[in-house]
Amino acid sequence: MRRRTAPLEYDALYRDLIAQCDEEPVQDVIAGQIWSLVQTEHATGLSMSLRSMTTGGHSTSFHLRGKPLVELAELSLSWTPREAAIGMAAICAACNITSRFAGAEEANGRNVLLKKAAGKKVGLIGHFPWTDEIRSASGSLTVFEQRPQEGDLPQQAEEYLLPHLDVVAITGSALTNKSLPRLLELACNAWVMLIGPSTPLSVLMFDYGVDALSGCVARDPEDLAEVVREGGGVREFRNAVRFVTLQKP
């Protein structure tokens, strides 16, 4: 059964994720132009840097090194974009531990989504590199965007249309900007995938209405950190990570 929360409990999901974090000291924090990164001795986590964040790939400008991972994870509750991104990166560091998924088959969420989308009414929250492939495979496709391009619908349309879709893919950055709890309520009738490097690979997400998680774990933490610090994106760091997809049993 999907867990539902009252409007005033929007932070329940975040608090459950924070509870999965431990006291391991943080070794590095990077607030990059595109991605934010949190690194401990044993784990590395990513979160997309929100557009309203200050640009620049500077590290630890407010003394976060050495603090417990769980303390940084609590920043995910912040309404300050930069803090929220660092908080979600900390949560991903706790959930997306490389050793935990050492035996997992490398799987790109795009392929799983293509199969689920066949002939269905599909919604994408955000643009993805493979949007046109989903459009071709699906019965119909609706793209919801904060800054709509030609053919997209604005975010306001989510309130009216998401309940009527069969398959919905949501960018992991919806956790960072706090839109995910409401999106999951609206997409309660759909098969839902949370996808992207900002996605925490935690099975507790299944209790909140997510059916599949597609994220990544660090393959080469040092190279990944260097790319993030230099303002690179997925194309630049794809060889430094492994893509993993988990589906609800």
C-alpha atoms as a PDB file:
ATOM      1  CA  MET A   1       0.000   0.000   0.000  1.00  0.00           C
ATOM      2  CA  ARG A   2       1.269   3.448  -0.870  1.00  0.00           C
ATOM      3  CA  ARG A   3       1.927   5.725   2.043  1.00  0.00           C
ATOM      4  CA  ARG A   4       0.032   8.999   1.858  1.00  0.00           C
ATOM      5  CA  THR A   5       0.887  12.085   3.874  1.00  0.00           C
ATOM      6  CA  ALA A   6      -1.165  15.087   4.902  1.00  0.00           C
ATOM      7  CA  PRO A   7      -0.112  18.426   3.380  1.00  0.00           C
ATOM      8  CA  LEU A   8       1.502  19.520   6.645  1.00  0.00           C
ATOM      9  CA  GLU A   9       3.629  16.343   6.630  1.00  0.00           C
ATOM     10  CA  TYR A  10       5.337  17.104   3.324  1.00  0.00           C
ATOM     11  CA  ASP A  11       8.696  16.472   4.988  1.00  0.00           C
ATOM     12  CA  ALA A  12       7.933  12.895   6.107  1.00  0.00           C
ATOM     13  CA  LEU A  13       9.727  11.419   3.096  1.00  0.00           C
ATOM     14  CA  TYR A  14      12.796  13.567   3.721  1.00  0.00           C
ATOM     15  CA  ARG A  15      12.923  12.646   7.408  1.00  0.00           C
ATOM     16  CA  ASP A  16      12.736   8.953   6.541  1.00  0.00           C
ATOM     17  CA  LEU A  17      15.633   9.375   4.108  1.00  0.00           C
ATOM     18  CA  ILE A  18      17.656  11.362   6.658  1.00  0.00           C
ATOM     19  CA  ALA A  19      17.180   8.509   9.129  1.00  0.00           C
ATOM     20  CA  GLN A  20      19.137   6.250   6.757  1.00  0.00           C
ATOM     21  CA  CYS A  21      22.248   8.422   7.094  1.00  0.00           C
ATOM     22  CA  ASP A  22      24.974   7.745   9.638  1.00  0.00           C
ATOM     23  CA  GLU A  23      27.637   9.718  11.494  1.00  0.00           C
ATOM     24  CA  GLU A  24      30.446   9.081   8.986  1.00  0.00           C
ATOM     25  CA  PRO A  25      32.547  12.256   8.627  1.00  0.00           C
ATOM     26  CA  VAL A  26      32.182  14.170   5.373  1.00  0.00           C
ATOM     27  CA  GLN A  27      35.454  14.556   3.469  1.00  0.00           C
ATOM     28  CA  ASP A  28      34.396  16.922   0.708  1.00  0.00           C
ATOM     29  CA  VAL A  29      31.471  19.031  -0.461  1.00  0.00           C
ATOM     30  CA  ILE A  30      31.282  20.598  -3.911  1.00  0.00           C
ATOM     31  CA  ALA A  31      28.598  23.037  -5.037  1.00  0.00           C
ATOM     32  CA  GLY A  32      29.156  22.834  -8.793  1.00  0.00           C
ATOM     33  CA  GLN A  33      27.438  24.756 -11.556  1.00  0.00           C
ATOM     34  CA  ILE A  34      25.391  21.723 -12.602  1.00  0.00           C
ATOM     35  CA  TRP A  35      25.803  19.166  -9.825  1.00  0.00           C
ATOM     36  CA  SER A  36      26.451  19.198  -6.106  1.00  0.00           C
ATOM     37  CA  LEU A  37      28.507  16.420  -4.518  1.00  0.00           C
ATOM     38  CA  VAL A  38      29.069  15.084  -1.014  1.00  0.00           C
ATOM     39  CA  GLN A  39      31.847  12.594  -0.364  1.00  0.00           C
ATOM     40  CA  THR A  40      32.849  10.446   2.602  1.00  0.00           C
ATOM     41  CA  GLU A  41      35.563   7.804   2.825  1.00  0.00           C
ATOM     42  CA  HIS A  42      33.148   5.124   1.630  1.00  0.00           C
ATOM     43  CA  ALA A  43      30.501   6.914  -0.404  1.00  0.00           C
ATOM     44  CA  THR A  44      29.775   9.659  -2.917  1.00  0.00           C
ATOM     45  CA  GLY A  45      26.407  11.251  -3.608  1.00  0.00           C
ATOM     46  CA  LEU A  46      25.138  13.664  -6.256  1.00  0.00           C
ATOM     47  CA  SER A  47      22.259  16.098  -6.525  1.00  0.00           C
ATOM     48  CA  MET A  48      21.450  18.516  -9.310  1.00  0.00           C
ATOM     49  CA  SER A  49      22.289  22.101  -8.395  1.00  0.00           C
ATOM     50  CA  LEU A  50      19.117  24.147  -8.728  1.00  0.00           C
ATOM     51  CA  ARG A  51      19.242  26.994 -11.240  1.00  0.00           C
ATOM     52  CA  SER A  52      18.801  29.627  -8.570  1.00  0.00           C
ATOM     53  CA  MET A  53      21.972  28.489  -6.806  1.00  0.00           C
ATOM     54  CA  THR A  54      25.088  30.624  -6.878  1.00  0.00           C
ATOM     55  CA  THR A  55      27.232  29.437  -9.760  1.00  0.00           C
ATOM     56  CA  GLY A  56      30.796  28.280  -9.419  1.00  0.00           C
ATOM     57  CA  GLY A  57      32.417  24.979  -8.496  1.00  0.00           C
ATOM     58  CA  HIS A  58      33.728  25.982  -5.095  1.00  0.00           C
ATOM     59  CA  SER A  59      34.157  23.544  -2.207  1.00  0.00           C
ATOM     60  CA  THR A  60      32.990  23.770   1.399  1.00  0.00           C
ATOM     61  CA  SER A  61      32.447  27.523   1.630  1.00  0.00           C
ATOM     62  CA  PHE A  62      30.542  27.154   4.889  1.00  0.00           C
ATOM     63  CA  HIS A  63      32.701  24.646   6.783  1.00  0.00           C
ATOM     64  CA  LEU A  64      30.963  21.347   6.110  1.00  0.00           C
ATOM     65  CA  ARG A  65      34.031  19.120   5.948  1.00  0.00           C
ATOM     66  CA  GLY A  66      34.327  16.856   8.950  1.00  0.00           C
ATOM     67  CA  LYS A  67      30.673  17.122   9.920  1.00  0.00           C
ATOM     68  CA  PRO A  68      28.587  13.928  10.236  1.00  0.00           C
ATOM     69  CA  LEU A  69      26.855  12.865   7.030  1.00  0.00           C
ATOM     70  CA  VAL A  70      23.480  12.906   8.769  1.00  0.00           C
ATOM     71  CA  GLU A  71      23.950  16.567   9.686  1.00  0.00           C
ATOM     72  CA  LEU A  72      24.427  17.493   6.028  1.00  0.00           C
ATOM     73  CA  ALA A  73      21.454  15.310   5.078  1.00  0.00           C
ATOM     74  CA  GLU A  74      19.249  17.492   7.272  1.00  0.00           C
ATOM     75  CA  LEU A  75      19.936  20.347   4.844  1.00  0.00           C
ATOM     76  CA  SER A  76      17.552  18.572   2.441  1.00  0.00           C
ATOM     77  CA  LEU A  77      14.742  20.145   4.495  1.00  0.00           C
ATOM     78  CA  SER A  78      16.019  23.635   3.711  1.00  0.00           C
ATOM     79  CA  TRP A  79      14.168  25.943   1.322  1.00  0.00           C
ATOM     80  CA  THR A  80      17.496  27.504   0.352  1.00  0.00           C
ATOM     81  CA  PRO A  81      18.361  25.902  -3.011  1.00  0.00           C
ATOM     82  CA  ARG A  82      22.069  25.483  -2.367  1.00  0.00           C
ATOM     83  CA  GLU A  83      21.557  23.888   1.036  1.00  0.00           C
ATOM     84  CA  ALA A  84      18.807  21.603  -0.270  1.00  0.00           C
ATOM     85  CA  ALA A  85      21.074  20.337  -3.072  1.00  0.00           C
ATOM     86  CA  ILE A  86      23.887  19.568  -0.646  1.00  0.00           C
ATOM     87  CA  GLY A  87      21.425  17.841   1.675  1.00  0.00           C
ATOM     88  CA  MET A  88      20.123  15.595  -1.094  1.00  0.00           C
ATOM     89  CA  ALA A  89      23.680  14.815  -2.226  1.00  0.00           C
ATOM     90  CA  ALA A  90      24.381  13.677   1.342  1.00  0.00           C
ATOM     91  CA  ILE A  91      21.303  11.436   1.288  1.00  0.00           C
ATOM     92  CA  CYS A  92      22.415   9.937  -2.033  1.00  0.00           C
ATOM     93  CA  ALA A  93      25.858   9.309  -0.535  1.00  0.00           C
ATOM     94  CA  ALA A  94      24.189   7.287   2.228  1.00  0.00           C
ATOM     95  CA  CYS A  95      21.870   5.365  -0.112  1.00  0.00           C
ATOM     96  CA  ASN A  96      23.988   4.903  -3.245  1.00  0.00           C
ATOM     97  CA  ILE A  97      27.005   3.168  -1.708  1.00  0.00           C
ATOM     98  CA  THR A  98      29.096   1.471  -4.377  1.00  0.00           C
ATOM     99  CA  SER A  99      29.771  -1.686  -2.331  1.00  0.00           C
ATOM    100  CA  ARG A 100      26.047  -2.204  -1.735  1.00  0.00           C
ATOM    101  CA  PHE A 101      25.410  -2.488  -5.471  1.00  0.00           C
ATOM    102  CA  ALA A 102      28.623  -4.290  -6.439  1.00  0.00           C
ATOM    103  CA  GLY A 103      26.700  -7.318  -7.694  1.00  0.00           C
ATOM    104  CA  ALA A 104      23.823  -5.389  -9.234  1.00  0.00           C
ATOM    105  CA  GLU A 105      23.406  -5.501 -12.983  1.00  0.00           C
ATOM    106  CA  GLU A 106      24.160  -2.180 -14.632  1.00  0.00           C
ATOM    107  CA  ALA A 107      20.832  -0.991 -15.973  1.00  0.00           C
ATOM    108  CA  ASN A 108      19.788   2.233 -17.637  1.00  0.00           C
ATOM    109  CA  GLY A 109      16.357   3.410 -16.553  1.00  0.00           C
ATOM    110  CA  ARG A 110      15.637   4.580 -20.082  1.00  0.00           C
ATOM    111  CA  ASN A 111      15.337   0.979 -21.296  1.00  0.00           C
ATOM    112  CA  VAL A 112      12.975   0.018 -18.476  1.00  0.00           C
ATOM    113  CA  LEU A 113      10.875   3.103 -19.139  1.00  0.00           C
ATOM    114  CA  LEU A 114      10.673   2.419 -22.874  1.00  0.00           C
ATOM    115  CA  LYS A 115       9.123  -0.988 -22.187  1.00  0.00           C
ATOM    116  CA  LYS A 116       6.640   0.416 -19.684  1.00  0.00           C
ATOM    117  CA  ALA A 117       5.700   3.300 -22.001  1.00  0.00           C
ATOM    118  CA  ALA A 118       4.663   1.139 -24.955  1.00  0.00           C
ATOM    119  CA  GLY A 119       1.178   2.225 -26.024  1.00  0.00           C
ATOM    120  CA  LYS A 120       0.533   4.025 -22.726  1.00  0.00           C
ATOM    121  CA  LYS A 121      -0.336   7.572 -21.698  1.00  0.00           C
ATOM    122  CA  VAL A 122       3.018   8.824 -20.442  1.00  0.00           C
ATOM    123  CA  GLY A 123       4.103  11.933 -18.575  1.00  0.00           C
ATOM    124  CA  LEU A 124       7.648  13.236 -18.128  1.00  0.00           C
ATOM    125  CA  ILE A 125       8.454  15.720 -15.393  1.00  0.00           C
ATOM    126  CA  GLY A 126      11.336  17.512 -17.049  1.00  0.00           C
ATOM    127  CA  HIS A 127      13.204  16.957 -20.305  1.00  0.00           C
ATOM    128  CA  PHE A 128      15.448  13.958 -20.872  1.00  0.00           C
ATOM    129  CA  PRO A 129      17.881  13.125 -23.711  1.00  0.00           C
ATOM    130  CA  TRP A 130      15.609  10.276 -24.787  1.00  0.00           C
ATOM    131  CA  THR A 131      12.301  12.184 -24.754  1.00  0.00           C
ATOM    132  CA  ASP A 132      11.748  11.598 -28.485  1.00  0.00           C
ATOM    133  CA  GLU A 133      12.237   7.834 -28.035  1.00  0.00           C
ATOM    134  CA  ILE A 134       9.551   7.776 -25.353  1.00  0.00           C
ATOM    135  CA  ARG A 135       7.279   9.828 -27.606  1.00  0.00           C
ATOM    136  CA  SER A 136       7.643   7.257 -30.389  1.00  0.00           C
ATOM    137  CA  ALA A 137       7.048   4.280 -28.093  1.00  0.00           C
ATOM    138  CA  SER A 138       4.117   5.676 -26.119  1.00  0.00           C
ATOM    139  CA  GLY A 139       0.483   6.069 -27.033  1.00  0.00           C
ATOM    140  CA  SER A 140       0.746   9.713 -26.018  1.00  0.00           C
ATOM    141  CA  LEU A 141       3.366  11.812 -24.238  1.00  0.00           C
ATOM    142  CA  THR A 142       2.988  14.922 -22.110  1.00  0.00           C
ATOM    143  CA  VAL A 143       6.080  16.814 -20.954  1.00  0.00           C
ATOM    144  CA  PHE A 144       5.690  19.108 -17.959  1.00  0.00           C
ATOM    145  CA  GLU A 145       8.337  21.800 -17.564  1.00  0.00           C
ATOM    146  CA  GLN A 146       9.098  24.700 -15.254  1.00  0.00           C
ATOM    147  CA  ARG A 147      10.318  26.578 -18.321  1.00  0.00           C
ATOM    148  CA  PRO A 148       8.186  25.080 -21.106  1.00  0.00           C
ATOM    149  CA  GLN A 149       9.600  24.603 -24.573  1.00  0.00           C
ATOM    150  CA  GLU A 150       7.467  24.246 -27.680  1.00  0.00           C
ATOM    151  CA  GLY A 151       4.993  21.422 -27.147  1.00  0.00           C
ATOM    152  CA  ASP A 152       5.499  21.269 -23.361  1.00  0.00           C
ATOM    153  CA  LEU A 153       2.939  22.061 -20.706  1.00  0.00           C
ATOM    154  CA  PRO A 154       3.646  24.275 -17.680  1.00  0.00           C
ATOM    155  CA  GLN A 155       3.943  22.825 -14.193  1.00  0.00           C
ATOM    156  CA  GLN A 156       0.450  24.034 -13.299  1.00  0.00           C
ATOM    157  CA  ALA A 157      -0.997  21.420 -15.675  1.00  0.00           C
ATOM    158  CA  GLU A 158       0.366  18.627 -13.470  1.00  0.00           C
ATOM    159  CA  GLU A 159      -2.455  19.207 -10.984  1.00  0.00           C
ATOM    160  CA  TYR A 160      -5.054  18.353 -13.605  1.00  0.00           C
ATOM    161  CA  LEU A 161      -3.395  15.796 -15.880  1.00  0.00           C
ATOM    162  CA  LEU A 162      -1.093  13.582 -13.787  1.00  0.00           C
ATOM    163  CA  PRO A 163      -3.976  11.622 -12.187  1.00  0.00           C
ATOM    164  CA  HIS A 164      -5.040  10.439 -15.659  1.00  0.00           C
ATOM    165  CA  LEU A 165      -1.685   9.082 -16.873  1.00  0.00           C
ATOM    166  CA  ASP A 166      -0.506   5.455 -16.968  1.00  0.00           C
ATOM    167  CA  VAL A 167       3.253   5.972 -16.674  1.00  0.00           C
ATOM    168  CA  VAL A 168       5.111   8.922 -15.140  1.00  0.00           C
ATOM    169  CA  ALA A 169       8.872   9.528 -15.043  1.00  0.00           C
ATOM    170  CA  ILE A 170      10.081  12.175 -12.610  1.00  0.00           C
ATOM    171  CA  THR A 171      13.541  13.683 -12.471  1.00  0.00           C
ATOM    172  CA  GLY A 172      15.344  13.008  -9.197  1.00  0.00           C
ATOM    173  CA  SER A 173      15.838  16.738  -8.746  1.00  0.00           C
ATOM    174  CA  ALA A 174      12.143  16.928  -7.775  1.00  0.00           C
ATOM    175  CA  LEU A 175      13.335  15.782  -4.362  1.00  0.00           C
ATOM    176  CA  THR A 176      15.681  18.742  -4.120  1.00  0.00           C
ATOM    177  CA  ASN A 177      13.107  21.374  -5.088  1.00  0.00           C
ATOM    178  CA  LYS A 178      10.445  19.835  -2.790  1.00  0.00           C
ATOM    179  CA  SER A 179       7.956  19.099  -5.577  1.00  0.00           C
ATOM    180  CA  LEU A 180       8.170  15.295  -5.327  1.00  0.00           C
ATOM    181  CA  PRO A 181       5.704  14.651  -2.458  1.00  0.00           C
ATOM    182  CA  ARG A 182       2.912  16.434  -4.341  1.00  0.00           C
ATOM    183  CA  LEU A 183       3.843  14.835  -7.672  1.00  0.00           C
ATOM    184  CA  LEU A 184       3.575  11.382  -6.110  1.00  0.00           C
ATOM    185  CA  GLU A 185       0.126  12.214  -4.765  1.00  0.00           C
ATOM    186  CA  LEU A 186      -1.009  13.377  -8.200  1.00  0.00           C
ATOM    187  CA  ALA A 187       0.476  10.353  -9.994  1.00  0.00           C
ATOM    188  CA  CYS A 188      -1.152   7.870  -7.610  1.00  0.00           C
ATOM    189  CA  ASN A 189      -2.819   5.998 -10.496  1.00  0.00           C
ATOM    190  CA  ALA A 190       0.365   5.625 -12.551  1.00  0.00           C
ATOM    191  CA  TRP A 191       3.456   3.458 -12.614  1.00  0.00           C
ATOM    192  CA  VAL A 192       6.119   5.919 -11.425  1.00  0.00           C
ATOM    193  CA  MET A 193       9.865   6.024 -12.018  1.00  0.00           C
ATOM    194  CA  LEU A 194      12.246   8.408 -10.260  1.00  0.00           C
ATOM    195  CA  ILE A 195      15.233   8.828 -12.543  1.00  0.00           C
ATOM    196  CA  GLY A 196      18.574  10.596 -12.717  1.00  0.00           C
ATOM    197  CA  PRO A 197      21.796  10.921 -10.686  1.00  0.00           C
ATOM    198  CA  SER A 198      19.872  12.806  -7.954  1.00  0.00           C
ATOM    199  CA  THR A 199      17.841   9.657  -7.217  1.00  0.00           C
ATOM    200  CA  PRO A 200      18.494   7.956  -3.858  1.00  0.00           C
ATOM    201  CA  LEU A 201      18.525   4.182  -4.345  1.00  0.00           C
ATOM    202  CA  SER A 202      16.491   3.461  -1.223  1.00  0.00           C
ATOM    203  CA  VAL A 203      13.659   0.933  -1.177  1.00  0.00           C
ATOM    204  CA  LEU A 204      11.721   3.119   1.268  1.00  0.00           C
ATOM    205  CA  MET A 205      10.824   5.221  -1.792  1.00  0.00           C
ATOM    206  CA  PHE A 206       8.551   2.344  -2.807  1.00  0.00           C
ATOM    207  CA  ASP A 207       6.396   3.043   0.272  1.00  0.00           C
ATOM    208  CA  TYR A 208       5.747   6.562  -1.002  1.00  0.00           C
ATOM    209  CA  GLY A 209       4.435   5.586  -4.430  1.00  0.00           C
ATOM    210  CA  VAL A 210       7.581   5.115  -6.517  1.00  0.00           C
ATOM    211  CA  ASP A 211       7.682   1.890  -8.555  1.00  0.00           C
ATOM    212  CA  ALA A 212      11.206   2.130  -9.964  1.00  0.00           C
ATOM    213  CA  LEU A 213      14.384   3.989  -9.031  1.00  0.00           C
ATOM    214  CA  SER A 214      17.054   4.707 -11.608  1.00  0.00           C
ATOM    215  CA  GLY A 215      20.171   6.379 -10.242  1.00  0.00           C
ATOM    216  CA  CYS A 216      23.912   5.931 -10.150  1.00  0.00           C
ATOM    217  CA  VAL A 217      26.760   4.884  -7.873  1.00  0.00           C
ATOM    218  CA  ALA A 218      30.328   6.142  -8.090  1.00  0.00           C
ATOM    219  CA  ARG A 219      32.767   3.974 -10.024  1.00  0.00           C
ATOM    220  CA  ASP A 220      35.645   6.473  -9.802  1.00  0.00           C
ATOM    221  CA  PRO A 221      34.927   8.936  -6.960  1.00  0.00           C
ATOM    222  CA  GLU A 222      37.987  11.098  -7.617  1.00  0.00           C
ATOM    223  CA  ASP A 223      37.218  11.551 -11.311  1.00  0.00           C
ATOM    224  CA  LEU A 224      33.559  12.197 -10.514  1.00  0.00           C
ATOM    225  CA  ALA A 225      34.481  14.923  -8.020  1.00  0.00           C
ATOM    226  CA  GLU A 226      36.832  16.558 -10.511  1.00  0.00           C
ATOM    227  CA  VAL A 227      34.150  16.697 -13.213  1.00  0.00           C
ATOM    228  CA  VAL A 228      31.593  18.165 -10.798  1.00  0.00           C
ATOM    229  CA  ARG A 229      34.075  20.759  -9.548  1.00  0.00           C
ATOM    230  CA  GLU A 230      34.780  21.818 -13.137  1.00  0.00           C
ATOM    231  CA  GLY A 231      31.074  22.215 -13.932  1.00  0.00           C
ATOM    232  CA  GLY A 232      30.671  19.090 -16.056  1.00  0.00           C
ATOM    233  CA  GLY A 233      27.453  17.159 -16.583  1.00  0.00           C
ATOM    234  CA  VAL A 234      26.342  13.553 -17.067  1.00  0.00           C
ATOM    235  CA  ARG A 235      28.051  13.278 -20.438  1.00  0.00           C
ATOM    236  CA  GLU A 236      31.375  14.150 -18.825  1.00  0.00           C
ATOM    237  CA  PHE A 237      31.080  11.938 -15.739  1.00  0.00           C
ATOM    238  CA  ARG A 238      29.203   8.953 -17.178  1.00  0.00           C
ATOM    239  CA  ASN A 239      32.383   6.808 -17.164  1.00  0.00           C
ATOM    240  CA  ALA A 240      32.927   7.618 -13.477  1.00  0.00           C
ATOM    241  CA  VAL A 241      29.577   6.120 -12.412  1.00  0.00           C
ATOM    242  CA  ARG A 242      27.504   2.961 -12.787  1.00  0.00           C
ATOM    243  CA  PHE A 243      23.812   3.302 -13.582  1.00  0.00           C
ATOM    244  CA  VAL A 244      21.561   1.123 -11.439  1.00  0.00           C
ATOM    245  CA  THR A 245      17.799   0.574 -11.631  1.00  0.00           C
ATOM    246  CA  LEU A 246      15.710  -0.932  -8.828  1.00  0.00           C
ATOM    247  CA  GLN A 247      12.093  -1.990  -9.335  1.00  0.00           C
ATOM    248  CA  LYS A 248       9.433  -2.553  -6.726  1.00  0.00           C
ATOM    249  CA  PRO A 249       8.891  -6.301  -6.230  1.00  0.00           C
END
